[in-house]
PDB file of N, CA and C in Angstrom:
ATOM      1  N   MET A   1    -116.076  36.214  13.059  1.00  0.00           N
ATOM      2  CA  MET A   1    -117.393  36.521  13.600  1.00  0.00           C
ATOM      3  C   MET A   1    -117.888  37.885  12.766  1.00  0.00           C
ATOM      4  N   PRO A   2    -119.124  37.837  12.290  1.00  0.00           N
ATOM      5  CA  PRO A   2    -119.726  38.855  11.544  1.00  0.00           C
ATOM      6  C   PRO A   2    -120.002  40.199  12.516  1.00  0.00           C
ATOM      7  N   ILE A   3    -119.857  41.280  11.916  1.00  0.00           N
ATOM      8  CA  ILE A   3    -120.101  42.478  12.758  1.00  0.00           C
ATOM      9  C   ILE A   3    -121.605  42.571  12.721  1.00  0.00           C
ATOM     10  N   ARG A   4    -122.125  42.798  14.143  1.00  0.00           N
ATOM     11  CA  ARG A   4    -123.563  43.146  14.248  1.00  0.00           C
ATOM     12  C   ARG A   4    -123.830  44.479  14.026  1.00  0.00           C
ATOM     13  N   THR A   5    -125.005  44.746  13.571  1.00  0.00           N
ATOM     14  CA  THR A   5    -125.345  46.149  13.282  1.00  0.00           C
ATOM     15  C   THR A   5    -126.751  46.572  13.769  1.00  0.00           C
ATOM     16  N   LEU A   6    -127.014  47.793  14.098  1.00  0.00           N
ATOM     17  CA  LEU A   6    -128.151  48.194  14.516  1.00  0.00           C
ATOM     18  C   LEU A   6    -128.878  48.992  13.206  1.00  0.00           C
ATOM     19  N   SER A   7    -129.921  48.414  12.808  1.00  0.00           N
ATOM     20  CA  SER A   7    -130.676  48.944  11.689  1.00  0.00           C
ATOM     21  C   SER A   7    -131.565  50.072  12.077  1.00  0.00           C
ATOM     22  N   PHE A   8    -131.445  51.356  11.729  1.00  0.00           N
ATOM     23  CA  PHE A   8    -132.134  52.453  12.186  1.00  0.00           C
ATOM     24  C   PHE A   8    -132.606  53.334  11.148  1.00  0.00           C
ATOM     25  N   THR A   9    -133.847  53.912  11.149  1.00  0.00           N
ATOM     26  CA  THR A   9    -134.270  54.840  10.201  1.00  0.00           C
ATOM     27  C   THR A   9    -134.439  56.084  10.948  1.00  0.00           C
ATOM     28  N   ALA A  10    -133.749  57.154  10.438  1.00  0.00           N
ATOM     29  CA  ALA A  10    -133.855  58.517  11.004  1.00  0.00           C
ATOM     30  C   ALA A  10    -134.736  59.316  10.092  1.00  0.00           C
ATOM     31  N   VAL A  11    -135.858  59.840  10.646  1.00  0.00           N
ATOM     32  CA  VAL A  11    -136.784  60.620   9.845  1.00  0.00           C
ATOM     33  C   VAL A  11    -136.205  62.155   9.791  1.00  0.00           C
ATOM     34  N   GLN A  12    -135.995  62.678   8.652  1.00  0.00           N
ATOM     35  CA  GLN A  12    -135.440  64.192   8.631  1.00  0.00           C
ATOM     36  C   GLN A  12    -136.428  64.945   7.808  1.00  0.00           C
ATOM     37  N   PRO A  13    -136.399  66.224   7.855  1.00  0.00           N
ATOM     38  CA  PRO A  13    -137.251  67.018   7.032  1.00  0.00           C
ATOM     39  C   PRO A  13    -137.007  66.637   5.509  1.00  0.00           C
ATOM     40  N   GLY A  14    -138.168  66.280   4.954  1.00  0.00           N
ATOM     41  CA  GLY A  14    -138.070  65.957   3.420  1.00  0.00           C
ATOM     42  C   GLY A  14    -137.623  64.521   3.175  1.00  0.00           C
ATOM     43  N   GLY A  15    -137.506  63.681   4.175  1.00  0.00           N
ATOM     44  CA  GLY A  15    -137.051  62.397   3.891  1.00  0.00           C
ATOM     45  C   GLY A  15    -136.722  61.554   5.035  1.00  0.00           C
ATOM     46  N   ALA A  16    -136.197  60.345   4.823  1.00  0.00           N
ATOM     47  CA  ALA A  16    -135.745  59.492   5.847  1.00  0.00           C
ATOM     48  C   ALA A  16    -134.368  58.869   5.367  1.00  0.00           C
ATOM     49  N   ARG A  17    -133.534  58.477   6.495  1.00  0.00           N
ATOM     50  CA  ARG A  17    -132.304  58.041   6.071  1.00  0.00           C
ATOM     51  C   ARG A  17    -132.236  56.641   6.811  1.00  0.00           C
ATOM     52  N   HIS A  18    -131.923  55.464   6.032  1.00  0.00           N
ATOM     53  CA  HIS A  18    -131.794  54.130   6.639  1.00  0.00           C
ATOM     54  C   HIS A  18    -130.221  53.958   6.973  1.00  0.00           C
ATOM     55  N   ILE A  19    -130.016  53.655   8.171  1.00  0.00           N
ATOM     56  CA  ILE A  19    -128.631  53.644   8.572  1.00  0.00           C
ATOM     57  C   ILE A  19    -128.320  52.149   9.255  1.00  0.00           C
ATOM     58  N   ASP A  20    -127.341  51.642   8.901  1.00  0.00           N
ATOM     59  CA  ASP A  20    -126.919  50.379   9.526  1.00  0.00           C
ATOM     60  C   ASP A  20    -125.600  50.743  10.424  1.00  0.00           C
ATOM     61  N   PHE A  21    -125.908  51.058  11.598  1.00  0.00           N
ATOM     62  CA  PHE A  21    -124.805  51.339  12.566  1.00  0.00           C
ATOM     63  C   PHE A  21    -124.014  50.044  12.979  1.00  0.00           C
ATOM     64  N   PRO A  22    -122.743  50.032  12.826  1.00  0.00           N
ATOM     65  CA  PRO A  22    -122.038  48.910  13.439  1.00  0.00           C
ATOM     66  C   PRO A  22    -122.040  48.866  14.970  1.00  0.00           C
ATOM     67  N   LEU A  23    -122.150  47.772  15.579  1.00  0.00           N
ATOM     68  CA  LEU A  23    -122.230  47.741  17.042  1.00  0.00           C
ATOM     69  C   LEU A  23    -120.842  47.172  17.565  1.00  0.00           C
ATOM     70  N   HIS A  24    -120.560  47.786  18.792  1.00  0.00           N
ATOM     71  CA  HIS A  24    -119.371  47.332  19.549  1.00  0.00           C
ATOM     72  C   HIS A  24    -119.495  45.841  19.759  1.00  0.00           C
ATOM     73  N   PRO A  25    -118.463  45.110  19.720  1.00  0.00           N
ATOM     74  CA  PRO A  25    -118.543  43.676  19.987  1.00  0.00           C
ATOM     75  C   PRO A  25    -119.031  43.341  21.420  1.00  0.00           C
ATOM     76  N   GLN A  26    -118.878  44.214  22.358  1.00  0.00           N
ATOM     77  CA  GLN A  26    -119.376  44.072  23.683  1.00  0.00           C
ATOM     78  C   GLN A  26    -120.783  44.612  23.945  1.00  0.00           C
ATOM     79  N   THR A  27    -121.480  45.007  22.911  1.00  0.00           N
ATOM     80  CA  THR A  27    -122.811  45.466  23.104  1.00  0.00           C
ATOM     81  C   THR A  27    -123.659  44.418  23.709  1.00  0.00           C
ATOM     82  N   VAL A  28    -124.367  44.768  24.714  1.00  0.00           N
ATOM     83  CA  VAL A  28    -125.217  43.760  25.505  1.00  0.00           C
ATOM     84  C   VAL A  28    -126.586  43.754  25.044  1.00  0.00           C
ATOM     85  N   ARG A  29    -127.254  44.941  24.773  1.00  0.00           N
ATOM     86  CA  ARG A  29    -128.647  44.964  24.394  1.00  0.00           C
ATOM     87  C   ARG A  29    -128.844  45.983  23.142  1.00  0.00           C
ATOM     88  N   GLU A  30    -128.778  45.436  22.041  1.00  0.00           N
ATOM     89  CA  GLU A  30    -128.769  46.286  20.848  1.00  0.00           C
ATOM     90  C   GLU A  30    -130.286  46.910  20.802  1.00  0.00           C
ATOM     91  N   ASP A  31    -131.377  46.241  21.269  1.00  0.00           N
ATOM     92  CA  ASP A  31    -132.618  46.892  21.268  1.00  0.00           C
ATOM     93  C   ASP A  31    -132.663  48.150  22.210  1.00  0.00           C
ATOM     94  N   GLN A  32    -131.847  48.067  23.286  1.00  0.00           N
ATOM     95  CA  GLN A  32    -131.875  49.254  24.227  1.00  0.00           C
ATOM     96  C   GLN A  32    -131.047  50.295  23.624  1.00  0.00           C
ATOM     97  N   VAL A  33    -130.014  49.998  22.897  1.00  0.00           N
ATOM     98  CA  VAL A  33    -129.202  51.097  22.136  1.00  0.00           C
ATOM     99  C   VAL A  33    -130.109  51.711  21.089  1.00  0.00           C
ATOM    100  N   GLY A  34    -130.960  51.071  20.494  1.00  0.00           N
ATOM    101  CA  GLY A  34    -131.755  51.647  19.549  1.00  0.00           C
ATOM    102  C   GLY A  34    -132.924  52.443  20.166  1.00  0.00           C
ATOM    103  N   ASP A  35    -133.544  51.990  21.246  1.00  0.00           N
ATOM    104  CA  ASP A  35    -134.475  52.650  21.902  1.00  0.00           C
ATOM    105  C   ASP A  35    -133.898  54.019  22.464  1.00  0.00           C
ATOM    106  N   LEU A  36    -132.732  53.890  23.061  1.00  0.00           N
ATOM    107  CA  LEU A  36    -132.191  55.148  23.631  1.00  0.00           C
ATOM    108  C   LEU A  36    -131.791  56.128  22.365  1.00  0.00           C
ATOM    109  N   LEU A  37    -131.321  55.677  21.345  1.00  0.00           N
ATOM    110  CA  LEU A  37    -130.898  56.586  20.233  1.00  0.00           C
ATOM    111  C   LEU A  37    -132.326  57.215  19.756  1.00  0.00           C
ATOM    112  N   ALA A  38    -133.437  56.518  19.575  1.00  0.00           N
ATOM    113  CA  ALA A  38    -134.687  57.189  19.209  1.00  0.00           C
ATOM    114  C   ALA A  38    -135.170  58.136  20.271  1.00  0.00           C
ATOM    115  N   ASP A  39    -135.070  57.833  21.582  1.00  0.00           N
ATOM    116  CA  ASP A  39    -135.422  58.680  22.581  1.00  0.00           C
ATOM    117  C   ASP A  39    -134.642  60.035  22.615  1.00  0.00           C
ATOM    118  N   LEU A  40    -133.341  59.853  22.427  1.00  0.00           N
ATOM    119  CA  LEU A  40    -132.562  61.022  22.340  1.00  0.00           C
ATOM    120  C   LEU A  40    -132.782  61.955  21.170  1.00  0.00           C
ATOM    121  N   LEU A  41    -132.954  61.412  20.028  1.00  0.00           N
ATOM    122  CA  LEU A  41    -133.273  62.111  18.891  1.00  0.00           C
ATOM    123  C   LEU A  41    -134.674  62.901  18.986  1.00  0.00           C
ATOM    124  N   ASP A  42    -135.587  62.061  19.578  1.00  0.00           N
ATOM    125  CA  ASP A  42    -136.929  62.694  19.767  1.00  0.00           C
ATOM    126  C   ASP A  42    -136.802  63.845  20.706  1.00  0.00           C
ATOM    127  N   THR A  43    -136.018  63.680  21.870  1.00  0.00           N
ATOM    128  CA  THR A  43    -135.862  64.669  22.888  1.00  0.00           C
ATOM    129  C   THR A  43    -135.286  65.990  22.171  1.00  0.00           C
ATOM    130  N   VAL A  44    -134.272  65.816  21.350  1.00  0.00           N
ATOM    131  CA  VAL A  44    -133.555  67.020  20.744  1.00  0.00           C
ATOM    132  C   VAL A  44    -134.628  67.744  19.883  1.00  0.00           C
ATOM    133  N   THR A  45    -135.268  66.907  19.031  1.00  0.00           N
ATOM    134  CA  THR A  45    -136.303  67.438  18.113  1.00  0.00           C
ATOM    135  C   THR A  45    -137.376  68.211  18.836  1.00  0.00           C
ATOM    136  N   ARG A  46    -137.798  67.739  20.102  1.00  0.00           N
ATOM    137  CA  ARG A  46    -138.714  68.400  20.839  1.00  0.00           C
ATOM    138  C   ARG A  46    -138.346  69.685  21.413  1.00  0.00           C
ATOM    139  N   GLN A  47    -137.132  69.638  22.007  1.00  0.00           N
ATOM    140  CA  GLN A  47    -136.568  70.763  22.557  1.00  0.00           C
ATOM    141  C   GLN A  47    -136.344  72.005  21.708  1.00  0.00           C
ATOM    142  N   ILE A  48    -135.786  71.675  20.410  1.00  0.00           N
ATOM    143  CA  ILE A  48    -135.478  72.693  19.579  1.00  0.00           C
ATOM    144  C   ILE A  48    -136.720  73.078  18.809  1.00  0.00           C
ATOM    145  N   GLY A  49    -137.587  72.262  18.410  1.00  0.00           N
ATOM    146  CA  GLY A  49    -138.783  72.557  17.688  1.00  0.00           C
ATOM    147  C   GLY A  49    -138.572  73.512  16.501  1.00  0.00           C
ATOM    148  N   ASP A  50    -139.836  73.797  15.957  1.00  0.00           N
ATOM    149  CA  ASP A  50    -139.751  74.764  14.754  1.00  0.00           C
ATOM    150  C   ASP A  50    -139.530  76.181  15.109  1.00  0.00           C
ATOM    151  N   GLN A  51    -139.804  76.653  16.310  1.00  0.00           N
ATOM    152  CA  GLN A  51    -139.634  77.988  16.688  1.00  0.00           C
ATOM    153  C   GLN A  51    -138.359  78.339  17.514  1.00  0.00           C
ATOM    154  N   SER A  52    -137.597  77.293  17.717  1.00  0.00           N
ATOM    155  CA  SER A  52    -136.348  77.488  18.592  1.00  0.00           C
ATOM    156  C   SER A  52    -135.296  78.335  17.697  1.00  0.00           C
ATOM    157  N   GLN A  53    -134.476  79.113  18.536  1.00  0.00           N
ATOM    158  CA  GLN A  53    -133.485  79.916  17.995  1.00  0.00           C
ATOM    159  C   GLN A  53    -132.178  79.231  18.134  1.00  0.00           C
ATOM    160  N   ALA A  54    -132.114  77.970  18.703  1.00  0.00           N
ATOM    161  CA  ALA A  54    -131.015  77.253  18.764  1.00  0.00           C
ATOM    162  C   ALA A  54    -130.265  76.894  17.370  1.00  0.00           C
ATOM    163  N   SER A  55    -128.923  77.091  17.322  1.00  0.00           N
ATOM    164  CA  SER A  55    -128.303  76.752  16.004  1.00  0.00           C
ATOM    165  C   SER A  55    -127.946  75.289  16.132  1.00  0.00           C
ATOM    166  N   ASP A  56    -127.513  74.845  15.016  1.00  0.00           N
ATOM    167  CA  ASP A  56    -126.957  73.458  14.886  1.00  0.00           C
ATOM    168  C   ASP A  56    -125.697  73.419  15.812  1.00  0.00           C
ATOM    169  N   GLY A  57    -124.890  74.484  15.834  1.00  0.00           N
ATOM    170  CA  GLY A  57    -123.762  74.472  16.771  1.00  0.00           C
ATOM    171  C   GLY A  57    -124.184  74.296  18.180  1.00  0.00           C
ATOM    172  N   ASP A  58    -125.255  75.032  18.627  1.00  0.00           N
ATOM    173  CA  ASP A  58    -125.755  74.957  19.985  1.00  0.00           C
ATOM    174  C   ASP A  58    -126.088  73.415  20.340  1.00  0.00           C
ATOM    175  N   VAL A  59    -126.915  72.722  19.287  1.00  0.00           N
ATOM    176  CA  VAL A  59    -127.272  71.506  19.575  1.00  0.00           C
ATOM    177  C   VAL A  59    -125.910  70.466  19.816  1.00  0.00           C
ATOM    178  N   LEU A  60    -125.106  70.610  18.848  1.00  0.00           N
ATOM    179  CA  LEU A  60    -123.953  69.713  18.916  1.00  0.00           C
ATOM    180  C   LEU A  60    -123.070  69.991  20.194  1.00  0.00           C
ATOM    181  N   GLN A  61    -122.986  71.354  20.549  1.00  0.00           N
ATOM    182  CA  GLN A  61    -122.277  71.693  21.902  1.00  0.00           C
ATOM    183  C   GLN A  61    -122.998  71.015  23.037  1.00  0.00           C
ATOM    184  N   SER A  62    -124.287  70.956  23.116  1.00  0.00           N
ATOM    185  CA  SER A  62    -124.933  70.444  24.217  1.00  0.00           C
ATOM    186  C   SER A  62    -124.967  68.869  24.190  1.00  0.00           C
ATOM    187  N   LEU A  63    -124.897  68.282  22.995  1.00  0.00           N
ATOM    188  CA  LEU A  63    -124.673  66.892  22.962  1.00  0.00           C
ATOM    189  C   LEU A  63    -123.198  66.419  23.388  1.00  0.00           C
ATOM    190  N   CYS A  64    -122.255  67.232  23.023  1.00  0.00           N
ATOM    191  CA  CYS A  64    -120.875  66.996  23.408  1.00  0.00           C
ATOM    192  C   CYS A  64    -120.648  67.233  24.904  1.00  0.00           C
ATOM    193  N   MET A  65    -121.430  68.058  25.474  1.00  0.00           N
ATOM    194  CA  MET A  65    -121.308  68.284  27.010  1.00  0.00           C
ATOM    195  C   MET A  65    -121.930  67.100  27.631  1.00  0.00           C
ATOM    196  N   THR A  66    -123.074  66.590  27.175  1.00  0.00           N
ATOM    197  CA  THR A  66    -123.706  65.505  27.641  1.00  0.00           C
ATOM    198  C   THR A  66    -122.786  64.204  27.553  1.00  0.00           C
ATOM    199  N   LEU A  67    -122.112  64.033  26.438  1.00  0.00           N
ATOM    200  CA  LEU A  67    -121.224  63.012  26.261  1.00  0.00           C
ATOM    201  C   LEU A  67    -119.971  62.993  27.230  1.00  0.00           C
ATOM    202  N   ALA A  68    -119.467  64.140  27.383  1.00  0.00           N
ATOM    203  CA  ALA A  68    -118.326  64.344  28.220  1.00  0.00           C
ATOM    204  C   ALA A  68    -118.717  63.896  29.676  1.00  0.00           C
ATOM    205  N   ILE A  69    -119.939  64.342  30.136  1.00  0.00           N
ATOM    206  CA  ILE A  69    -120.479  63.888  31.390  1.00  0.00           C
ATOM    207  C   ILE A  69    -120.497  62.410  31.438  1.00  0.00           C
ATOM    208  N   ARG A  70    -121.079  61.787  30.530  1.00  0.00           N
ATOM    209  CA  ARG A  70    -121.313  60.368  30.552  1.00  0.00           C
ATOM    210  C   ARG A  70    -119.951  59.699  30.387  1.00  0.00           C
ATOM    211  N   MET A  71    -118.992  60.127  29.745  1.00  0.00           N
ATOM    212  CA  MET A  71    -117.771  59.506  29.600  1.00  0.00           C
ATOM    213  C   MET A  71    -116.953  59.530  31.013  1.00  0.00           C
ATOM    214  N   ASN A  72    -117.202  60.524  31.794  1.00  0.00           N
ATOM    215  CA  ASN A  72    -116.508  60.496  33.012  1.00  0.00           C
ATOM    216  C   ASN A  72    -117.298  59.736  34.115  1.00  0.00           C
ATOM    217  N   MET A  73    -118.298  59.170  33.639  1.00  0.00           N
ATOM    218  CA  MET A  73    -119.095  58.301  34.753  1.00  0.00           C
ATOM    219  C   MET A  73    -118.723  56.879  34.454  1.00  0.00           C
ATOM    220  N   VAL A  74    -118.067  56.589  33.399  1.00  0.00           N
ATOM    221  CA  VAL A  74    -117.514  55.155  33.094  1.00  0.00           C
ATOM    222  C   VAL A  74    -116.341  54.909  34.058  1.00  0.00           C
ATOM    223  N   LYS A  75    -116.399  53.641  34.654  1.00  0.00           N
ATOM    224  CA  LYS A  75    -115.336  53.208  35.471  1.00  0.00           C
ATOM    225  C   LYS A  75    -114.138  52.580  34.693  1.00  0.00           C
ATOM    226  N   ALA A  76    -113.490  53.391  34.001  1.00  0.00           N
ATOM    227  CA  ALA A  76    -112.367  52.898  33.255  1.00  0.00           C
ATOM    228  C   ALA A  76    -111.427  54.154  33.099  1.00  0.00           C
ATOM    229  N   PRO A  77    -110.125  53.863  32.731  1.00  0.00           N
ATOM    230  CA  PRO A  77    -109.120  55.029  32.606  1.00  0.00           C
ATOM    231  C   PRO A  77    -109.730  55.981  31.478  1.00  0.00           C
ATOM    232  N   SER A  78    -109.627  57.331  31.795  1.00  0.00           N
ATOM    233  CA  SER A  78    -110.206  58.198  30.836  1.00  0.00           C
ATOM    234  C   SER A  78    -109.582  58.224  29.389  1.00  0.00           C
ATOM    235  N   SER A  79    -108.279  57.845  29.274  1.00  0.00           N
ATOM    236  CA  SER A  79    -107.740  57.732  27.928  1.00  0.00           C
ATOM    237  C   SER A  79    -108.442  56.575  27.113  1.00  0.00           C
ATOM    238  N   MET A  80    -108.769  55.499  27.870  1.00  0.00           N
ATOM    239  CA  MET A  80    -109.303  54.409  27.235  1.00  0.00           C
ATOM    240  C   MET A  80    -110.843  54.747  26.780  1.00  0.00           C
ATOM    241  N   VAL A  81    -111.463  55.418  27.648  1.00  0.00           N
ATOM    242  CA  VAL A  81    -112.785  55.854  27.306  1.00  0.00           C
ATOM    243  C   VAL A  81    -112.743  56.835  26.151  1.00  0.00           C
ATOM    244  N   ARG A  82    -111.777  57.782  26.230  1.00  0.00           N
ATOM    245  CA  ARG A  82    -111.796  58.820  24.977  1.00  0.00           C
ATOM    246  C   ARG A  82    -111.538  58.025  23.686  1.00  0.00           C
ATOM    247  N   ASP A  83    -110.534  57.077  23.694  1.00  0.00           N
ATOM    248  CA  ASP A  83    -110.382  56.280  22.507  1.00  0.00           C
ATOM    249  C   ASP A  83    -111.451  55.533  22.036  1.00  0.00           C
ATOM    250  N   LEU A  84    -112.155  54.987  22.896  1.00  0.00           N
ATOM    251  CA  LEU A  84    -113.385  54.262  22.525  1.00  0.00           C
ATOM    252  C   LEU A  84    -114.432  55.125  21.893  1.00  0.00           C
ATOM    253  N   VAL A  85    -114.686  56.265  22.566  1.00  0.00           N
ATOM    254  CA  VAL A  85    -115.675  57.178  22.060  1.00  0.00           C
ATOM    255  C   VAL A  85    -115.246  57.730  20.638  1.00  0.00           C
ATOM    256  N   SER A  86    -113.982  58.111  20.478  1.00  0.00           N
ATOM    257  CA  SER A  86    -113.546  58.563  19.236  1.00  0.00           C
ATOM    258  C   SER A  86    -113.812  57.509  18.109  1.00  0.00           C
ATOM    259  N   LYS A  87    -113.546  56.209  18.484  1.00  0.00           N
ATOM    260  CA  LYS A  87    -113.652  55.123  17.612  1.00  0.00           C
ATOM    261  C   LYS A  87    -115.108  54.953  17.245  1.00  0.00           C
ATOM    262  N   LEU A  88    -116.061  54.923  18.132  1.00  0.00           N
ATOM    263  CA  LEU A  88    -117.381  54.768  18.053  1.00  0.00           C
ATOM    264  C   LEU A  88    -118.056  55.921  17.217  1.00  0.00           C
ATOM    265  N   LEU A  89    -117.614  57.226  17.552  1.00  0.00           N
ATOM    266  CA  LEU A  89    -118.150  58.204  16.714  1.00  0.00           C
ATOM    267  C   LEU A  89    -117.677  58.143  15.233  1.00  0.00           C
ATOM    268  N   GLU A  90    -116.465  57.791  15.018  1.00  0.00           N
ATOM    269  CA  GLU A  90    -115.941  57.705  13.775  1.00  0.00           C
ATOM    270  C   GLU A  90    -116.865  56.644  12.921  1.00  0.00           C
ATOM    271  N   GLN A  91    -117.100  55.468  13.598  1.00  0.00           N
ATOM    272  CA  GLN A  91    -117.869  54.455  12.817  1.00  0.00           C
ATOM    273  C   GLN A  91    -119.188  54.783  12.735  1.00  0.00           C
ATOM    274  N   ALA A  92    -119.820  55.511  13.712  1.00  0.00           N
ATOM    275  CA  ALA A  92    -121.261  56.035  13.492  1.00  0.00           C
ATOM    276  C   ALA A  92    -121.326  57.006  12.342  1.00  0.00           C
ATOM    277  N   ASN A  93    -120.366  57.835  12.355  1.00  0.00           N
ATOM    278  CA  ASN A  93    -120.333  58.900  11.205  1.00  0.00           C
ATOM    279  C   ASN A  93    -120.260  58.351   9.805  1.00  0.00           C
ATOM    280  N   GLU A  94    -119.275  57.222   9.804  1.00  0.00           N
ATOM    281  CA  GLU A  94    -119.169  56.570   8.383  1.00  0.00           C
ATOM    282  C   GLU A  94    -120.418  55.838   8.063  1.00  0.00           C
ATOM    283  N   ALA A  95    -121.144  55.233   9.062  1.00  0.00           N
ATOM    284  CA  ALA A  95    -122.381  54.680   8.821  1.00  0.00           C
ATOM    285  C   ALA A  95    -123.391  55.583   8.202  1.00  0.00           C
ATOM    286  N   VAL A  96    -123.508  56.739   8.700  1.00  0.00           N
ATOM    287  CA  VAL A  96    -124.446  57.648   8.319  1.00  0.00           C
ATOM    288  C   VAL A  96    -124.052  58.277   6.929  1.00  0.00           C
ATOM    289  N   ILE A  97    -122.808  58.498   6.708  1.00  0.00           N
ATOM    290  CA  ILE A  97    -122.346  58.967   5.398  1.00  0.00           C
ATOM    291  C   ILE A  97    -122.696  57.981   4.367  1.00  0.00           C
ATOM    292  N   SER A  98    -122.467  56.731   4.657  1.00  0.00           N
ATOM    293  CA  SER A  98    -122.721  55.569   3.496  1.00  0.00           C
ATOM    294  C   SER A  98    -124.311  55.213   3.543  1.00  0.00           C
ATOM    295  N   SER A  99    -125.173  55.903   4.282  1.00  0.00           N
ATOM    296  CA  SER A  99    -126.558  55.396   4.428  1.00  0.00           C
ATOM    297  C   SER A  99    -127.301  55.883   3.119  1.00  0.00           C
ATOM    298  N   THR A 100    -128.413  55.348   2.998  1.00  0.00           N
ATOM    299  CA  THR A 100    -129.320  55.781   1.961  1.00  0.00           C
ATOM    300  C   THR A 100    -130.312  56.708   2.388  1.00  0.00           C
ATOM    301  N   GLU A 101    -130.617  57.714   1.630  1.00  0.00           N
ATOM    302  CA  GLU A 101    -131.788  58.696   1.853  1.00  0.00           C
ATOM    303  C   GLU A 101    -132.886  58.278   0.965  1.00  0.00           C
ATOM    304  N   GLN A 102    -134.129  58.400   1.606  1.00  0.00           N
ATOM    305  CA  GLN A 102    -135.312  58.093   0.865  1.00  0.00           C
ATOM    306  C   GLN A 102    -136.421  59.124   1.183  1.00  0.00           C
ATOM    307  N   PRO A 103    -137.138  59.425   0.085  1.00  0.00           N
ATOM    308  CA  PRO A 103    -138.095  60.413   0.246  1.00  0.00           C
ATOM    309  C   PRO A 103    -139.159  59.860   1.247  1.00  0.00           C
ATOM    310  N   ALA A 104    -139.718  60.715   2.087  1.00  0.00           N
ATOM    311  CA  ALA A 104    -140.736  60.284   2.979  1.00  0.00           C
ATOM    312  C   ALA A 104    -141.925  61.419   2.818  1.00  0.00           C
ATOM    313  N   GLY A 105    -143.058  61.019   3.171  1.00  0.00           N
ATOM    314  CA  GLY A 105    -144.220  61.909   3.149  1.00  0.00           C
ATOM    315  C   GLY A 105    -145.337  61.413   3.929  1.00  0.00           C
ATOM    316  N   ARG A 106    -146.421  62.056   4.098  1.00  0.00           N
ATOM    317  CA  ARG A 106    -147.556  61.678   4.686  1.00  0.00           C
ATOM    318  C   ARG A 106    -148.786  61.378   3.809  1.00  0.00           C
ATOM    319  N   ALA A 107    -149.325  60.376   4.020  1.00  0.00           N
ATOM    320  CA  ALA A 107    -150.529  60.105   3.178  1.00  0.00           C
ATOM    321  C   ALA A 107    -151.830  60.691   3.690  1.00  0.00           C
TER     322      ALA A 107
END
């Protein structure tokens, strides 16, 4: 069975990055995964804005805290959830590392 992917374009300062994220085999709604990803990134961008004093470490710390809360809401053994999250994070990070960066601008 081929691995399903979520094709996503992340707009960054000075360009865009096209990423094909591998999806977990039990993913139910890949469109909802993509929508939530876009909403989360938009929220982070809006919160930190251009004038924010938040560091990258501050943002990562907040995201990790959010993830820890959500992990403990899952009705499964904590070690199983932790292993799944570690695997998903590693796969997502590899997808970003191997993605292509493209220049972007406004017309």
